[in-house]
Amino acid sequence: MQSVDARIEFCDRYFTAVEAKTRYAADSYREYELPRDIDKELTDRPYYWMWVEQTGQDVPPTVLRLAFDDDAQARESTRVREQALAEASPYLTDIQRQYFVAPKVELVTLGSFRLDKLYKSSMERGRFASIAPSTAVAIGGLVPWLMFNLLVSYRCDITEQTLMSIGICLENGQIVENFYSLIENIEMSVLNPHHIRNRMQMSVDDGFRRLREYIERKIAKSDHQWAEEAEERLSREIEQIETYYDSIRHEKTETDQKVLQAECRRKIDLAIARGAAKVELDVKQVALVGLVDKGDLSRTHTSQRNPM
């Protein structure tokens, strides 16, 4: 998302998916007309929408004006102001014209408020999906797969994260790693899950359980040197804390010693919370995927069958 083109593509795909209209498009600039449900997600105006719905107001849809670099923001801000002022000018007094406020053109950069809202919305809306190739004709011939896209965090006093994508065939139990990379270039459409139910030999819940067990076994068999080193650093830190408080405890009264003991315990607890080695799994997306029965995945990845 660091490049302008990547941010534009993301926004175009997001707003197309949520059925927002593209009102205007120019170099590094877009204007999108928001459906009401998307407006509520992206604009943070709960009291406004409460008023609209309680009073039955018919309000015009919100238009987001997004610039993706500084030049586009400057150029389009001027254009939008001139256009808005020309439309409103016949109804404005000289004073109103002097203080006229034009619609805002937002700059969408990595880490910006608007891009963050779009990320969160897309993550929530895309957390669960049911899809199949758009060109699939024989719906009954689709093989049911369950895909997990998850973030694995190896946490201690430092954090390392990795994305994993794993799929399990709900017909035969085959497990395939890097599953998303195998389907990312296939144009997909929404799939009614009932269309592949007849080939499911295991339930979605069983698929969840099998995938989670597979992931846990994989992590358990991975190199744990990072965790051992983290525990050593944590032990040294706890020892330093205890040594420090032991060195000053004898100078204090009995009451103060109890206070110091509680403070020492609190700092040790903080050190453990911050530096203890742990692995966290965050499932970002779950998808039921129907794939054409050509045997491609089975033949290519037979080594993944019944792994571990």
Protein backbone atom coordinates (compact mmCIF):
# COMPACT_ATOMS: atom_id res chain seq x y z
CA MET A 1 0.00 0.00 0.00
CA GLN A 2 2.99 2.31 -0.08
CA SER A 3 2.50 3.17 -3.76
CA VAL A 4 -0.21 5.49 -5.05
CA ASP A 5 -1.36 2.91 -7.60
CA ALA A 6 -1.82 0.27 -4.88
CA ARG A 7 -3.97 2.61 -2.76
CA ILE A 8 -6.08 3.61 -5.76
CA GLU A 9 -6.61 -0.03 -6.75
CA PHE A 10 -7.59 -0.92 -3.18
CA CYS A 11 -10.12 1.92 -2.99
CA ASP A 12 -11.57 1.17 -6.42
CA ARG A 13 -12.03 -2.49 -5.54
CA TYR A 14 -13.47 -1.73 -2.11
CA PHE A 15 -16.04 0.78 -3.34
CA THR A 16 -17.00 -1.42 -6.30
CA ALA A 17 -17.56 -4.33 -3.91
CA VAL A 18 -19.85 -2.26 -1.65
CA GLU A 19 -21.74 -0.89 -4.68
CA ALA A 20 -20.66 2.72 -4.24
CA LYS A 21 -20.85 4.88 -7.37
CA THR A 22 -17.70 6.44 -8.78
CA ARG A 23 -18.86 9.99 -9.43
CA TYR A 24 -15.60 11.32 -10.83
CA ALA A 25 -12.16 9.91 -11.58
CA ALA A 26 -8.96 11.73 -12.48
CA ASP A 27 -5.23 11.20 -12.13
CA SER A 28 -4.62 10.14 -8.48
CA TYR A 29 -8.12 11.24 -7.52
CA ARG A 30 -11.56 9.66 -7.02
CA GLU A 31 -15.02 10.72 -5.89
CA TYR A 32 -17.30 7.99 -4.51
CA GLU A 33 -21.00 8.29 -3.66
CA LEU A 34 -21.63 6.16 -0.58
CA PRO A 35 -24.58 3.84 0.08
CA ARG A 36 -26.10 4.59 3.47
CA ASP A 37 -24.71 1.51 5.26
CA ILE A 38 -21.19 2.33 4.05
CA ASP A 39 -21.66 5.98 5.02
CA LYS A 40 -22.42 4.85 8.58
CA GLU A 41 -19.29 2.69 8.68
CA LEU A 42 -16.86 5.24 7.32
CA THR A 43 -17.95 8.68 8.52
CA ASP A 44 -18.39 8.28 12.31
CA ARG A 45 -21.61 10.29 12.63
CA PRO A 46 -23.84 8.26 14.97
CA TYR A 47 -25.85 11.25 16.24
CA TYR A 48 -26.40 12.54 12.73
CA TRP A 49 -27.80 9.19 11.63
CA MET A 50 -29.90 8.94 14.78
CA TRP A 51 -31.46 12.31 13.91
CA VAL A 52 -31.98 11.33 10.25
CA GLU A 53 -33.71 8.06 11.12
CA GLN A 54 -35.83 9.42 13.97
CA THR A 55 -37.05 12.40 11.95
CA GLY A 56 -37.42 10.52 8.68
CA GLN A 57 -35.23 12.96 6.80
CA ASP A 58 -34.42 12.32 3.15
CA VAL A 59 -30.76 13.33 3.03
CA PRO A 60 -28.46 13.31 -0.01
CA PRO A 61 -25.79 10.60 -0.10
CA THR A 62 -22.32 11.46 1.11
CA VAL A 63 -19.59 11.88 -1.49
CA LEU A 64 -16.03 11.04 -0.48
CA ARG A 65 -13.41 13.04 -2.35
CA LEU A 66 -10.09 11.21 -2.12
CA ALA A 67 -6.73 12.43 -3.41
CA PHE A 68 -3.81 10.02 -3.41
CA ASP A 69 -0.92 12.48 -3.60
CA ASP A 70 -0.25 16.12 -2.72
CA ASP A 71 -0.47 17.40 -6.30
CA ALA A 72 -3.87 15.79 -6.80
CA GLN A 73 -5.13 17.21 -3.51
CA ALA A 74 -4.07 20.75 -4.44
CA ARG A 75 -5.45 20.47 -7.98
CA GLU A 76 -8.78 18.94 -7.04
CA SER A 77 -9.31 21.17 -3.99
CA THR A 78 -9.16 24.17 -6.32
CA ARG A 79 -11.51 22.54 -8.84
CA VAL A 80 -14.01 21.42 -6.19
CA ARG A 81 -14.05 24.85 -4.56
CA GLU A 82 -14.58 26.68 -7.85
CA GLN A 83 -17.33 24.27 -8.88
CA ALA A 84 -19.13 24.39 -5.53
CA LEU A 85 -18.87 28.17 -5.32
CA ALA A 86 -20.22 28.58 -8.84
CA GLU A 87 -23.25 26.41 -8.01
CA ALA A 88 -23.96 28.18 -4.71
CA SER A 89 -23.05 31.72 -5.75
CA PRO A 90 -26.53 32.82 -6.92
CA TYR A 91 -27.87 32.11 -3.42
CA LEU A 92 -25.04 33.66 -1.38
CA THR A 93 -24.56 37.15 -0.02
CA ASP A 94 -21.18 38.83 -0.30
CA ILE A 95 -20.37 37.93 3.31
CA GLN A 96 -21.43 34.31 2.81
CA ARG A 97 -19.36 34.11 -0.35
CA GLN A 98 -16.33 35.43 1.51
CA TYR A 99 -16.57 32.70 4.15
CA PHE A 100 -17.77 29.94 1.85
CA VAL A 101 -16.46 26.49 2.84
CA ALA A 102 -16.03 24.05 -0.04
CA PRO A 103 -16.30 20.27 0.29
CA LYS A 104 -13.10 18.75 1.63
CA VAL A 105 -10.68 16.76 -0.50
CA GLU A 106 -8.99 14.16 1.74
CA LEU A 107 -5.43 13.01 1.25
CA VAL A 108 -5.23 9.22 1.41
CA THR A 109 -1.78 8.14 2.54
CA LEU A 110 -0.42 5.14 4.39
CA GLY A 111 -1.61 5.52 7.99
CA SER A 112 -4.24 8.16 7.23
CA PHE A 113 -7.57 8.12 9.07
CA ARG A 114 -9.59 7.37 5.93
CA LEU A 115 -7.40 4.51 4.74
CA ASP A 116 -7.48 3.03 8.24
CA LYS A 117 -11.30 3.14 8.22
CA LEU A 118 -11.36 1.43 4.82
CA TYR A 119 -8.99 -1.29 6.07
CA LYS A 120 -11.15 -1.98 9.11
CA SER A 121 -14.34 -2.02 7.06
CA SER A 122 -12.88 -4.39 4.46
CA MET A 123 -11.53 -6.68 7.18
CA GLU A 124 -14.91 -6.90 8.90
CA ARG A 125 -16.86 -7.32 5.67
CA GLY A 126 -14.41 -9.84 4.26
CA ARG A 127 -13.96 -11.89 7.42
CA PHE A 128 -16.37 -14.56 6.17
CA ALA A 129 -16.92 -15.40 2.51
CA SER A 130 -18.41 -18.06 0.28
CA ILE A 131 -17.01 -17.97 -3.25
CA ALA A 132 -16.45 -19.96 -6.43
CA PRO A 133 -14.87 -19.24 -9.83
CA SER A 134 -17.02 -16.87 -11.87
CA THR A 135 -16.69 -19.13 -14.90
CA ALA A 136 -17.86 -22.26 -13.07
CA VAL A 137 -20.88 -23.64 -14.90
CA ALA A 138 -21.49 -27.04 -13.31
CA ILE A 139 -22.27 -25.88 -9.77
CA GLY A 140 -22.85 -29.44 -8.63
CA GLY A 141 -19.31 -30.37 -9.67
CA LEU A 142 -17.59 -27.91 -7.36
CA VAL A 143 -15.31 -29.34 -4.67
CA PRO A 144 -15.81 -27.72 -1.24
CA TRP A 145 -12.74 -26.23 0.45
CA LEU A 146 -12.45 -24.31 3.71
CA MET A 147 -9.75 -21.62 3.74
CA PHE A 148 -8.14 -20.05 6.81
CA ASN A 149 -6.14 -16.84 6.37
CA LEU A 150 -4.53 -16.02 9.68
CA LEU A 151 -1.84 -13.91 11.30
CA VAL A 152 0.59 -15.79 13.54
CA SER A 153 2.34 -13.55 16.09
CA TYR A 154 5.44 -14.76 17.93
CA ARG A 155 5.48 -12.40 20.90
CA CYS A 156 8.05 -11.71 23.59
CA ASP A 157 9.96 -8.46 24.21
CA ILE A 158 10.04 -8.30 20.42
CA THR A 159 7.32 -9.44 18.02
CA GLU A 160 7.55 -11.29 14.73
CA GLN A 161 4.46 -11.89 12.62
CA THR A 162 3.75 -14.07 9.62
CA LEU A 163 0.69 -14.60 7.46
CA MET A 164 -0.53 -18.12 6.80
CA SER A 165 -3.15 -19.40 4.40
CA ILE A 166 -4.27 -23.01 4.77
CA GLY A 167 -7.12 -24.85 3.11
CA ILE A 168 -8.82 -28.15 3.86
CA CYS A 169 -10.94 -30.10 1.41
CA LEU A 170 -14.27 -30.83 3.08
CA GLU A 171 -14.72 -33.81 0.78
CA ASN A 172 -11.56 -35.81 1.54
CA GLY A 173 -9.73 -33.98 4.36
CA GLN A 174 -6.71 -32.99 2.25
CA ILE A 175 -4.83 -30.01 3.72
CA VAL A 176 -2.95 -27.57 1.49
CA GLU A 177 -0.66 -24.78 2.66
CA ASN A 178 -0.33 -21.41 0.88
CA PHE A 179 -3.88 -21.96 -0.28
CA TYR A 180 -4.66 -18.34 -1.12
CA SER A 181 -1.70 -18.12 -3.51
CA LEU A 182 -3.28 -20.97 -5.53
CA ILE A 183 -6.57 -19.16 -6.05
CA GLU A 184 -5.68 -15.44 -5.90
CA ASN A 185 -5.63 -15.06 -9.70
CA ILE A 186 -9.00 -16.76 -10.20
CA GLU A 187 -11.91 -14.37 -10.66
CA MET A 188 -14.44 -15.29 -7.99
CA SER A 189 -18.15 -14.70 -7.45
CA VAL A 190 -20.42 -15.20 -4.47
CA LEU A 191 -21.40 -18.84 -3.94
CA ASN A 192 -24.51 -20.16 -2.24
CA PRO A 193 -23.10 -22.72 0.25
CA HIS A 194 -26.05 -25.04 -0.45
CA HIS A 195 -24.65 -25.66 -3.94
CA ILE A 196 -21.66 -27.60 -2.58
CA ARG A 197 -23.22 -29.18 0.48
CA ASN A 198 -23.84 -32.50 -1.27
CA ARG A 199 -20.08 -33.13 -1.63
CA MET A 200 -19.16 -32.19 1.94
CA GLN A 201 -18.09 -35.29 3.85
CA MET A 202 -17.21 -33.24 6.93
CA SER A 203 -18.91 -30.24 8.48
CA VAL A 204 -17.46 -26.73 8.53
CA ASP A 205 -16.99 -27.10 12.30
CA ASP A 206 -14.96 -30.27 11.76
CA GLY A 207 -12.91 -28.40 9.15
CA PHE A 208 -12.24 -25.62 11.67
CA ARG A 209 -11.09 -28.15 14.24
CA ARG A 210 -8.84 -30.05 11.80
CA LEU A 211 -7.19 -26.86 10.57
CA ARG A 212 -6.61 -25.54 14.07
CA GLU A 213 -5.06 -28.85 15.16
CA TYR A 214 -2.85 -28.82 12.06
CA ILE A 215 -1.66 -25.27 12.75
CA GLU A 216 -0.98 -26.01 16.42
CA ARG A 217 1.06 -29.11 15.50
CA LYS A 218 2.99 -27.12 12.92
CA ILE A 219 3.84 -24.41 15.44
CA ALA A 220 4.73 -26.98 18.11
CA LYS A 221 7.25 -28.62 15.72
CA SER A 222 8.82 -25.33 14.62
CA ASP A 223 12.11 -23.93 15.93
CA HIS A 224 11.60 -22.57 19.47
CA GLN A 225 15.01 -20.98 19.89
CA TRP A 226 13.42 -17.51 19.87
CA ALA A 227 11.25 -18.51 22.86
CA GLU A 228 14.18 -19.98 24.78
CA GLU A 229 16.21 -16.81 24.24
CA ALA A 230 13.23 -14.69 25.31
CA GLU A 231 12.85 -16.71 28.52
CA GLU A 232 16.55 -16.21 29.28
CA ARG A 233 16.22 -12.44 28.82
CA LEU A 234 13.10 -12.42 30.99
CA SER A 235 14.85 -14.40 33.74
CA ARG A 236 17.72 -11.90 33.76
CA GLU A 237 15.30 -8.98 33.94
CA ILE A 238 13.38 -10.54 36.85
CA GLU A 239 16.65 -11.25 38.63
CA GLN A 240 17.70 -7.61 38.23
CA ILE A 241 14.37 -6.40 39.62
CA GLU A 242 14.59 -8.70 42.63
CA THR A 243 18.23 -7.78 43.27
CA TYR A 244 17.42 -4.08 43.23
CA TYR A 245 14.53 -4.35 45.69
CA ASP A 246 16.48 -6.70 47.95
CA SER A 247 19.27 -4.13 48.10
CA ILE A 248 17.02 -1.35 49.41
CA ARG A 249 14.55 -3.35 51.47
CA HIS A 250 16.71 -3.54 54.63
CA GLU A 251 16.79 0.27 54.83
CA LYS A 252 13.01 0.52 55.12
CA THR A 253 10.49 0.11 57.91
CA GLU A 254 8.27 -2.94 58.02
CA THR A 255 5.40 -0.98 56.46
CA ASP A 256 7.62 0.35 53.69
CA GLN A 257 8.99 -3.13 53.07
CA LYS A 258 5.47 -4.38 52.35
CA VAL A 259 5.00 -1.51 49.91
CA LEU A 260 8.31 -2.35 48.22
CA GLN A 261 7.37 -6.01 48.02
CA ALA A 262 4.10 -5.13 46.28
CA GLU A 263 5.94 -2.78 43.91
CA CYS A 264 8.51 -5.46 43.14
CA ARG A 265 5.73 -7.96 42.38
CA ARG A 266 4.00 -5.45 40.12
CA LYS A 267 7.17 -4.81 38.10
CA ILE A 268 7.84 -8.52 37.76
CA ASP A 269 4.27 -9.06 36.52
CA LEU A 270 4.76 -6.25 33.99
CA ALA A 271 8.02 -7.79 32.81
CA ILE A 272 6.33 -11.17 32.37
CA ALA A 273 3.41 -9.65 30.48
CA ARG A 274 5.81 -7.78 28.21
CA GLY A 275 8.52 -10.36 27.70
CA ALA A 276 7.13 -13.88 28.18
CA ALA A 277 7.20 -15.94 25.00
CA LYS A 278 3.81 -16.75 23.51
CA VAL A 279 2.23 -17.48 20.16
CA GLU A 280 -1.04 -15.80 19.18
CA LEU A 281 -3.30 -16.83 16.30
CA ASP A 282 -5.56 -14.18 14.77
CA VAL A 283 -7.89 -15.53 12.09
CA LYS A 284 -8.33 -12.73 9.58
CA GLN A 285 -10.58 -14.50 7.11
CA VAL A 286 -12.51 -17.72 6.74
CA ALA A 287 -13.88 -18.66 3.35
CA LEU A 288 -15.87 -21.53 1.91
CA VAL A 289 -14.42 -22.00 -1.57
CA GLY A 290 -15.93 -24.09 -4.33
CA LEU A 291 -13.33 -25.19 -6.89
CA VAL A 292 -13.82 -26.90 -10.22
CA ASP A 293 -13.15 -30.63 -9.94
CA LYS A 294 -10.08 -30.92 -12.16
CA GLY A 295 -7.85 -32.59 -9.59
CA ASP A 296 -5.23 -29.84 -9.91
CA LEU A 297 -4.79 -29.24 -6.22
CA SER A 298 -4.89 -32.94 -5.38
CA ARG A 299 -2.25 -33.91 -7.95
CA THR A 300 0.00 -30.95 -7.25
CA HIS A 301 -0.09 -31.18 -3.48
CA THR A 302 -0.44 -34.85 -2.66
CA SER A 303 2.48 -34.48 -0.25
CA GLN A 304 0.19 -32.42 1.99
CA ARG A 305 -2.34 -35.23 2.42
CA ASN A 306 -2.65 -36.35 6.04
CA PRO A 307 0.38 -34.27 7.08
CA MET A 308 2.14 -34.78 10.39
